[in-house]
N, C-alpha and C. Protein backbone atom coordinates (compact mmCIF):
# COMPACT_ATOMS: atom_id res chain seq x y z
N MET A 1 7.86 -5.66 49.05
CA MET A 1 6.66 -6.43 49.19
C MET A 1 5.53 -5.48 49.61
N VAL A 2 4.41 -5.58 48.96
CA VAL A 2 3.26 -4.74 49.24
C VAL A 2 2.25 -5.56 50.02
N HIS A 3 1.81 -4.99 51.13
CA HIS A 3 0.79 -5.65 51.93
C HIS A 3 -0.51 -4.90 51.76
N HIS A 4 -1.54 -5.64 51.54
CA HIS A 4 -2.86 -5.05 51.44
C HIS A 4 -3.66 -5.47 52.65
N SER A 5 -4.37 -4.52 53.19
CA SER A 5 -5.25 -4.89 54.28
C SER A 5 -6.64 -4.38 53.95
N THR A 6 -7.58 -5.11 54.40
CA THR A 6 -8.95 -4.69 54.18
C THR A 6 -9.57 -4.40 55.52
N LEU A 7 -10.33 -3.38 55.56
CA LEU A 7 -11.01 -2.98 56.77
C LEU A 7 -12.44 -3.45 56.69
N ASP A 8 -12.78 -4.28 57.63
CA ASP A 8 -14.14 -4.78 57.70
C ASP A 8 -14.98 -3.70 58.38
N VAL A 9 -15.96 -3.19 57.69
CA VAL A 9 -16.79 -2.11 58.22
C VAL A 9 -17.51 -2.55 59.48
N SER A 10 -17.83 -3.80 59.60
CA SER A 10 -18.50 -4.27 60.81
C SER A 10 -17.57 -4.14 62.02
N ASP A 11 -16.24 -4.30 61.81
CA ASP A 11 -15.28 -4.08 62.90
C ASP A 11 -15.32 -2.62 63.35
N PHE A 12 -15.34 -1.71 62.39
CA PHE A 12 -15.41 -0.29 62.71
C PHE A 12 -16.70 0.02 63.46
N ASP A 13 -17.80 -0.52 63.00
CA ASP A 13 -19.08 -0.30 63.68
C ASP A 13 -19.03 -0.80 65.12
N SER A 14 -18.42 -1.93 65.34
CA SER A 14 -18.30 -2.50 66.68
C SER A 14 -17.44 -1.61 67.57
N VAL A 15 -16.30 -1.17 67.05
CA VAL A 15 -15.41 -0.29 67.81
C VAL A 15 -16.12 1.03 68.12
N PHE A 16 -16.77 1.60 67.13
CA PHE A 16 -17.49 2.86 67.32
C PHE A 16 -18.57 2.71 68.39
N HIS A 17 -19.30 1.60 68.34
CA HIS A 17 -20.33 1.35 69.35
C HIS A 17 -19.72 1.25 70.74
N ASN A 18 -18.59 0.55 70.86
CA ASN A 18 -17.92 0.42 72.16
C ASN A 18 -17.43 1.77 72.68
N VAL A 19 -16.86 2.58 71.81
CA VAL A 19 -16.40 3.91 72.22
C VAL A 19 -17.57 4.76 72.68
N ARG A 20 -18.66 4.72 71.93
CA ARG A 20 -19.86 5.49 72.34
C ARG A 20 -20.39 5.00 73.68
N SER A 21 -20.38 3.69 73.90
CA SER A 21 -20.85 3.14 75.17
C SER A 21 -19.96 3.59 76.32
N LEU A 22 -18.65 3.56 76.13
CA LEU A 22 -17.73 4.01 77.16
C LEU A 22 -17.91 5.49 77.46
N HIS A 23 -18.06 6.28 76.41
CA HIS A 23 -18.26 7.72 76.59
C HIS A 23 -19.56 7.99 77.35
N ARG A 24 -20.58 7.26 77.02
CA ARG A 24 -21.87 7.42 77.72
C ARG A 24 -21.72 7.04 79.18
N PHE A 25 -21.03 5.94 79.47
CA PHE A 25 -20.78 5.52 80.85
C PHE A 25 -20.01 6.60 81.60
N TYR A 26 -18.96 7.16 80.97
CA TYR A 26 -18.14 8.21 81.57
C TYR A 26 -19.00 9.42 81.95
N ARG A 27 -19.93 9.78 81.09
CA ARG A 27 -20.77 10.96 81.34
C ARG A 27 -21.88 10.70 82.36
N LEU A 28 -22.41 9.47 82.42
CA LEU A 28 -23.60 9.22 83.21
C LEU A 28 -23.37 8.45 84.51
N ALA A 29 -22.23 7.81 84.65
CA ALA A 29 -21.97 7.02 85.86
C ALA A 29 -21.91 7.91 87.10
N PRO A 30 -22.37 7.41 88.23
CA PRO A 30 -22.30 8.19 89.47
C PRO A 30 -20.92 8.13 90.13
N ILE A 31 -19.93 7.72 89.37
CA ILE A 31 -18.56 7.60 89.84
C ILE A 31 -17.74 8.74 89.25
N ILE A 32 -16.93 9.38 90.08
CA ILE A 32 -16.07 10.48 89.60
C ILE A 32 -14.86 9.87 88.89
N PHE A 33 -14.66 10.26 87.64
CA PHE A 33 -13.46 9.89 86.90
C PHE A 33 -12.61 11.15 86.78
N TYR A 34 -11.30 11.00 86.99
CA TYR A 34 -10.42 12.18 86.96
C TYR A 34 -9.08 11.85 86.32
N GLU A 35 -8.43 12.91 85.85
CA GLU A 35 -7.07 12.82 85.35
C GLU A 35 -6.27 13.90 86.06
N LEU A 36 -5.04 13.54 86.46
CA LEU A 36 -4.17 14.46 87.17
C LEU A 36 -2.85 14.64 86.42
N THR A 37 -2.28 15.83 86.53
CA THR A 37 -0.97 16.09 85.96
C THR A 37 0.11 15.60 86.91
N ALA A 38 1.36 15.62 86.47
CA ALA A 38 2.47 15.12 87.29
C ALA A 38 2.62 15.89 88.60
N ASP A 39 2.21 17.15 88.62
CA ASP A 39 2.32 17.93 89.85
C ASP A 39 1.03 17.92 90.67
N GLY A 40 0.10 17.03 90.31
CA GLY A 40 -1.11 16.85 91.12
C GLY A 40 -2.24 17.83 90.84
N HIS A 41 -2.20 18.49 89.70
CA HIS A 41 -3.29 19.38 89.32
C HIS A 41 -4.35 18.61 88.54
N ILE A 42 -5.58 19.02 88.68
CA ILE A 42 -6.68 18.34 88.00
C ILE A 42 -6.68 18.72 86.53
N PHE A 43 -6.64 17.70 85.67
CA PHE A 43 -6.64 17.91 84.23
C PHE A 43 -8.04 17.76 83.65
N SER A 44 -8.80 16.77 84.15
CA SER A 44 -10.17 16.60 83.68
C SER A 44 -11.00 15.89 84.74
N LEU A 45 -12.31 16.11 84.66
CA LEU A 45 -13.30 15.51 85.56
C LEU A 45 -14.54 15.18 84.75
N ASN A 46 -15.24 14.14 85.14
CA ASN A 46 -16.50 13.84 84.47
C ASN A 46 -17.65 14.51 85.23
N PRO A 47 -18.85 14.53 84.66
CA PRO A 47 -19.99 15.21 85.29
C PRO A 47 -20.35 14.72 86.70
N ALA A 48 -20.00 13.50 87.05
CA ALA A 48 -20.31 13.00 88.39
C ALA A 48 -19.62 13.83 89.47
N PHE A 49 -18.50 14.45 89.14
CA PHE A 49 -17.80 15.30 90.10
C PHE A 49 -18.73 16.38 90.63
N GLU A 50 -19.39 17.05 89.71
CA GLU A 50 -20.31 18.13 90.09
C GLU A 50 -21.52 17.58 90.85
N ALA A 51 -22.05 16.45 90.40
CA ALA A 51 -23.22 15.86 91.05
C ALA A 51 -22.90 15.40 92.47
N VAL A 52 -21.72 14.85 92.69
CA VAL A 52 -21.34 14.31 94.00
C VAL A 52 -20.88 15.42 94.94
N THR A 53 -20.02 16.32 94.46
CA THR A 53 -19.41 17.32 95.35
C THR A 53 -20.15 18.65 95.39
N GLY A 54 -20.92 18.93 94.34
CA GLY A 54 -21.58 20.23 94.26
C GLY A 54 -20.71 21.33 93.68
N TRP A 55 -19.44 21.03 93.46
CA TRP A 55 -18.52 22.01 92.88
C TRP A 55 -18.65 22.03 91.36
N PRO A 56 -18.65 23.21 90.74
CA PRO A 56 -18.61 23.26 89.27
C PRO A 56 -17.27 22.72 88.76
N ILE A 57 -17.32 21.91 87.75
CA ILE A 57 -16.10 21.33 87.18
C ILE A 57 -15.13 22.41 86.75
N ARG A 58 -15.63 23.43 86.10
CA ARG A 58 -14.76 24.48 85.56
C ARG A 58 -13.94 25.17 86.65
N ASP A 59 -14.44 25.17 87.89
CA ASP A 59 -13.71 25.81 88.99
C ASP A 59 -12.51 24.99 89.46
N TRP A 60 -12.46 23.72 89.06
CA TRP A 60 -11.41 22.84 89.58
C TRP A 60 -10.36 22.43 88.56
N ILE A 61 -10.63 22.62 87.29
CA ILE A 61 -9.64 22.25 86.28
C ILE A 61 -8.41 23.15 86.47
N GLY A 62 -7.25 22.53 86.57
CA GLY A 62 -6.01 23.26 86.76
C GLY A 62 -5.63 23.50 88.22
N ARG A 63 -6.50 23.15 89.14
CA ARG A 63 -6.20 23.35 90.56
C ARG A 63 -5.63 22.08 91.17
N PRO A 64 -4.86 22.21 92.25
CA PRO A 64 -4.32 21.02 92.92
C PRO A 64 -5.45 20.18 93.53
N PHE A 65 -5.40 18.89 93.29
CA PHE A 65 -6.44 18.02 93.82
C PHE A 65 -6.45 18.02 95.35
N LEU A 66 -5.31 18.29 95.96
CA LEU A 66 -5.24 18.28 97.42
C LEU A 66 -6.14 19.34 98.06
N GLN A 67 -6.48 20.39 97.33
CA GLN A 67 -7.38 21.41 97.88
C GLN A 67 -8.78 20.86 98.10
N LEU A 68 -9.12 19.78 97.43
CA LEU A 68 -10.43 19.13 97.62
C LEU A 68 -10.44 18.19 98.82
N VAL A 69 -9.28 17.75 99.21
CA VAL A 69 -9.15 16.74 100.25
C VAL A 69 -9.25 17.39 101.63
N ALA A 70 -9.98 16.73 102.53
CA ALA A 70 -10.08 17.22 103.91
C ALA A 70 -8.67 17.31 104.49
N PRO A 71 -8.38 18.38 105.26
CA PRO A 71 -7.02 18.61 105.76
C PRO A 71 -6.39 17.40 106.45
N GLU A 72 -7.16 16.65 107.23
CA GLU A 72 -6.59 15.51 107.94
C GLU A 72 -6.22 14.34 107.03
N ASP A 73 -6.66 14.36 105.78
CA ASP A 73 -6.34 13.28 104.83
C ASP A 73 -5.35 13.72 103.74
N ARG A 74 -4.91 14.96 103.77
CA ARG A 74 -4.04 15.46 102.69
C ARG A 74 -2.69 14.74 102.62
N GLU A 75 -2.11 14.47 103.76
CA GLU A 75 -0.82 13.78 103.76
C GLU A 75 -0.95 12.38 103.14
N LEU A 76 -1.99 11.66 103.53
CA LEU A 76 -2.24 10.33 102.95
C LEU A 76 -2.47 10.43 101.45
N ALA A 77 -3.32 11.36 101.03
CA ALA A 77 -3.63 11.51 99.60
C ALA A 77 -2.37 11.85 98.80
N GLN A 78 -1.54 12.75 99.32
CA GLN A 78 -0.31 13.12 98.62
C GLN A 78 0.65 11.92 98.55
N ARG A 79 0.75 11.18 99.63
CA ARG A 79 1.63 10.01 99.67
C ARG A 79 1.16 8.95 98.67
N GLU A 80 -0.15 8.69 98.62
CA GLU A 80 -0.69 7.70 97.68
C GLU A 80 -0.49 8.14 96.23
N PHE A 81 -0.72 9.42 95.96
CA PHE A 81 -0.52 9.95 94.60
C PHE A 81 0.95 9.80 94.20
N ALA A 82 1.85 10.27 95.04
CA ALA A 82 3.28 10.20 94.72
C ALA A 82 3.74 8.75 94.58
N GLY A 83 3.26 7.89 95.45
CA GLY A 83 3.64 6.48 95.38
C GLY A 83 3.18 5.82 94.10
N ALA A 84 1.95 6.11 93.70
CA ALA A 84 1.42 5.53 92.46
C ALA A 84 2.21 6.01 91.25
N VAL A 85 2.52 7.29 91.23
CA VAL A 85 3.23 7.87 90.08
C VAL A 85 4.68 7.37 90.04
N GLN A 86 5.35 7.36 91.18
CA GLN A 86 6.76 6.96 91.22
C GLN A 86 6.96 5.47 91.00
N SER A 87 6.09 4.66 91.59
CA SER A 87 6.26 3.21 91.47
C SER A 87 5.54 2.64 90.26
N LYS A 88 4.75 3.48 89.61
CA LYS A 88 4.00 3.05 88.42
C LYS A 88 3.03 1.92 88.74
N THR A 89 2.43 1.98 89.94
CA THR A 89 1.46 0.96 90.33
C THR A 89 0.15 1.62 90.76
N ARG A 90 -0.91 0.86 90.66
CA ARG A 90 -2.24 1.31 91.05
C ARG A 90 -2.32 1.39 92.57
N ALA A 91 -3.04 2.40 93.07
CA ALA A 91 -3.21 2.56 94.52
C ALA A 91 -4.69 2.75 94.84
N PHE A 92 -5.08 2.29 96.01
CA PHE A 92 -6.44 2.46 96.52
C PHE A 92 -6.35 3.11 97.89
N HIS A 93 -7.27 4.01 98.17
CA HIS A 93 -7.34 4.60 99.49
C HIS A 93 -8.74 5.18 99.74
N ARG A 94 -9.09 5.28 100.98
CA ARG A 94 -10.35 5.92 101.37
C ARG A 94 -9.97 7.29 101.93
N ILE A 95 -10.53 8.33 101.33
CA ILE A 95 -10.23 9.69 101.80
C ILE A 95 -11.52 10.49 101.92
N ARG A 96 -11.40 11.61 102.58
CA ARG A 96 -12.53 12.51 102.73
C ARG A 96 -12.30 13.75 101.89
N LEU A 97 -13.36 14.15 101.19
CA LEU A 97 -13.34 15.35 100.35
C LEU A 97 -14.25 16.41 100.95
N ILE A 98 -13.97 17.65 100.62
CA ILE A 98 -14.79 18.76 101.08
C ILE A 98 -15.77 19.11 99.96
N ALA A 99 -17.06 18.97 100.23
CA ALA A 99 -18.08 19.31 99.24
C ALA A 99 -18.26 20.83 99.19
N ALA A 100 -18.92 21.30 98.16
CA ALA A 100 -19.15 22.73 97.99
C ALA A 100 -19.94 23.33 99.16
N ASN A 101 -20.82 22.55 99.75
CA ASN A 101 -21.63 23.04 100.88
C ASN A 101 -20.91 22.92 102.22
N GLY A 102 -19.65 22.48 102.20
CA GLY A 102 -18.87 22.35 103.42
C GLY A 102 -18.94 20.98 104.08
N ASN A 103 -19.86 20.14 103.62
CA ASN A 103 -19.97 18.78 104.16
C ASN A 103 -18.73 17.97 103.78
N ILE A 104 -18.45 16.97 104.57
CA ILE A 104 -17.34 16.07 104.29
C ILE A 104 -17.90 14.80 103.66
N LEU A 105 -17.34 14.44 102.52
CA LEU A 105 -17.73 13.22 101.79
C LEU A 105 -16.61 12.20 101.93
N THR A 106 -16.97 10.96 102.10
CA THR A 106 -15.98 9.88 102.14
C THR A 106 -16.04 9.17 100.79
N VAL A 107 -14.86 9.00 100.17
CA VAL A 107 -14.81 8.32 98.87
C VAL A 107 -13.76 7.23 98.90
N ASP A 108 -14.05 6.16 98.19
CA ASP A 108 -13.05 5.15 97.89
C ASP A 108 -12.43 5.57 96.57
N ALA A 109 -11.12 5.80 96.58
CA ALA A 109 -10.46 6.33 95.38
C ALA A 109 -9.39 5.37 94.89
N TRP A 110 -9.32 5.21 93.59
CA TRP A 110 -8.31 4.42 92.92
C TRP A 110 -7.54 5.36 92.01
N ILE A 111 -6.24 5.17 91.96
CA ILE A 111 -5.41 5.99 91.09
C ILE A 111 -4.40 5.08 90.40
N GLU A 112 -4.17 5.37 89.13
CA GLU A 112 -3.26 4.55 88.34
C GLU A 112 -2.42 5.48 87.47
N PRO A 113 -1.12 5.24 87.40
CA PRO A 113 -0.27 6.08 86.55
C PRO A 113 -0.57 5.84 85.07
N CYS A 114 -0.35 6.86 84.27
CA CYS A 114 -0.53 6.77 82.81
C CYS A 114 0.84 6.73 82.15
N ALA A 115 1.06 5.74 81.35
CA ALA A 115 2.32 5.67 80.60
C ALA A 115 2.12 6.30 79.23
N GLY A 116 3.10 7.05 78.80
CA GLY A 116 3.08 7.59 77.46
C GLY A 116 2.22 8.83 77.25
N GLU A 117 1.66 9.35 78.31
CA GLU A 117 0.86 10.57 78.19
C GLU A 117 1.76 11.77 78.42
N GLU A 118 1.54 12.83 77.67
CA GLU A 118 2.40 14.01 77.80
C GLU A 118 2.04 14.85 79.01
N ARG A 119 0.76 15.17 79.16
CA ARG A 119 0.36 16.07 80.24
C ARG A 119 -0.30 15.33 81.40
N VAL A 120 -0.99 14.25 81.12
CA VAL A 120 -1.69 13.51 82.17
C VAL A 120 -0.74 12.47 82.75
N CYS A 121 -0.63 12.46 84.06
CA CYS A 121 0.29 11.56 84.74
C CYS A 121 -0.45 10.40 85.39
N ALA A 122 -1.69 10.65 85.80
CA ALA A 122 -2.44 9.60 86.49
C ALA A 122 -3.93 9.76 86.20
N VAL A 123 -4.61 8.63 86.19
CA VAL A 123 -6.06 8.61 86.03
C VAL A 123 -6.63 7.84 87.21
N GLY A 124 -7.88 8.10 87.48
CA GLY A 124 -8.48 7.38 88.58
C GLY A 124 -9.97 7.59 88.65
N TYR A 125 -10.55 6.96 89.64
CA TYR A 125 -11.97 7.17 89.88
C TYR A 125 -12.22 7.11 91.37
N ALA A 126 -13.28 7.78 91.77
CA ALA A 126 -13.65 7.86 93.18
C ALA A 126 -15.15 7.63 93.31
N GLN A 127 -15.51 6.79 94.25
CA GLN A 127 -16.92 6.49 94.48
C GLN A 127 -17.31 6.98 95.86
N ASP A 128 -18.41 7.72 95.91
CA ASP A 128 -18.92 8.25 97.17
C ASP A 128 -19.46 7.10 98.02
N VAL A 129 -18.88 6.93 99.21
CA VAL A 129 -19.32 5.88 100.13
C VAL A 129 -19.75 6.49 101.47
N THR A 130 -20.06 7.78 101.45
CA THR A 130 -20.40 8.50 102.67
C THR A 130 -21.54 7.82 103.44
N SER A 131 -22.62 7.50 102.76
CA SER A 131 -23.77 6.88 103.43
C SER A 131 -23.41 5.53 104.04
N ALA A 132 -22.65 4.73 103.31
CA ALA A 132 -22.25 3.42 103.83
C ALA A 132 -21.35 3.54 105.05
N VAL A 133 -20.46 4.51 105.05
CA VAL A 133 -19.55 4.71 106.16
C VAL A 133 -20.32 5.20 107.40
N GLN A 134 -21.32 6.05 107.18
CA GLN A 134 -22.10 6.56 108.31
C GLN A 134 -22.89 5.45 108.98
N ILE A 135 -23.28 4.44 108.23
CA ILE A 135 -24.04 3.31 108.76
C ILE A 135 -23.15 2.41 109.61
N GLU A 136 -21.87 2.30 109.24
CA GLU A 136 -20.92 1.41 109.93
C GLU A 136 -20.73 1.78 111.37
């Protein structure tokens, strides 16, 4: 039996528009988007990483994400990362990062395991809440 399918060009245009919109959001949002490998190394970062932390993205690709985390929060960050990856569930935590200028930034971070990815084990995003925390 032969099945014929027709591709509606308007569907393609809609999908293409959505992909472009998502890509634009990824590049321009003030939220850090990241991907981590199974051993906790940074696989990718969006431009907000540089804007928020002051660190060049290229300096962090391939490095352990824990090196960015303030020493007093590293155990928590490692536990949340391992828990998310092992249990295959999304995790949320508030941690402090070390900015390029030495300042400490507070971020709300979400991490979620990736199924079916070869090199990337987890994806997530982090939002700078330093100003809000200082007001509290």
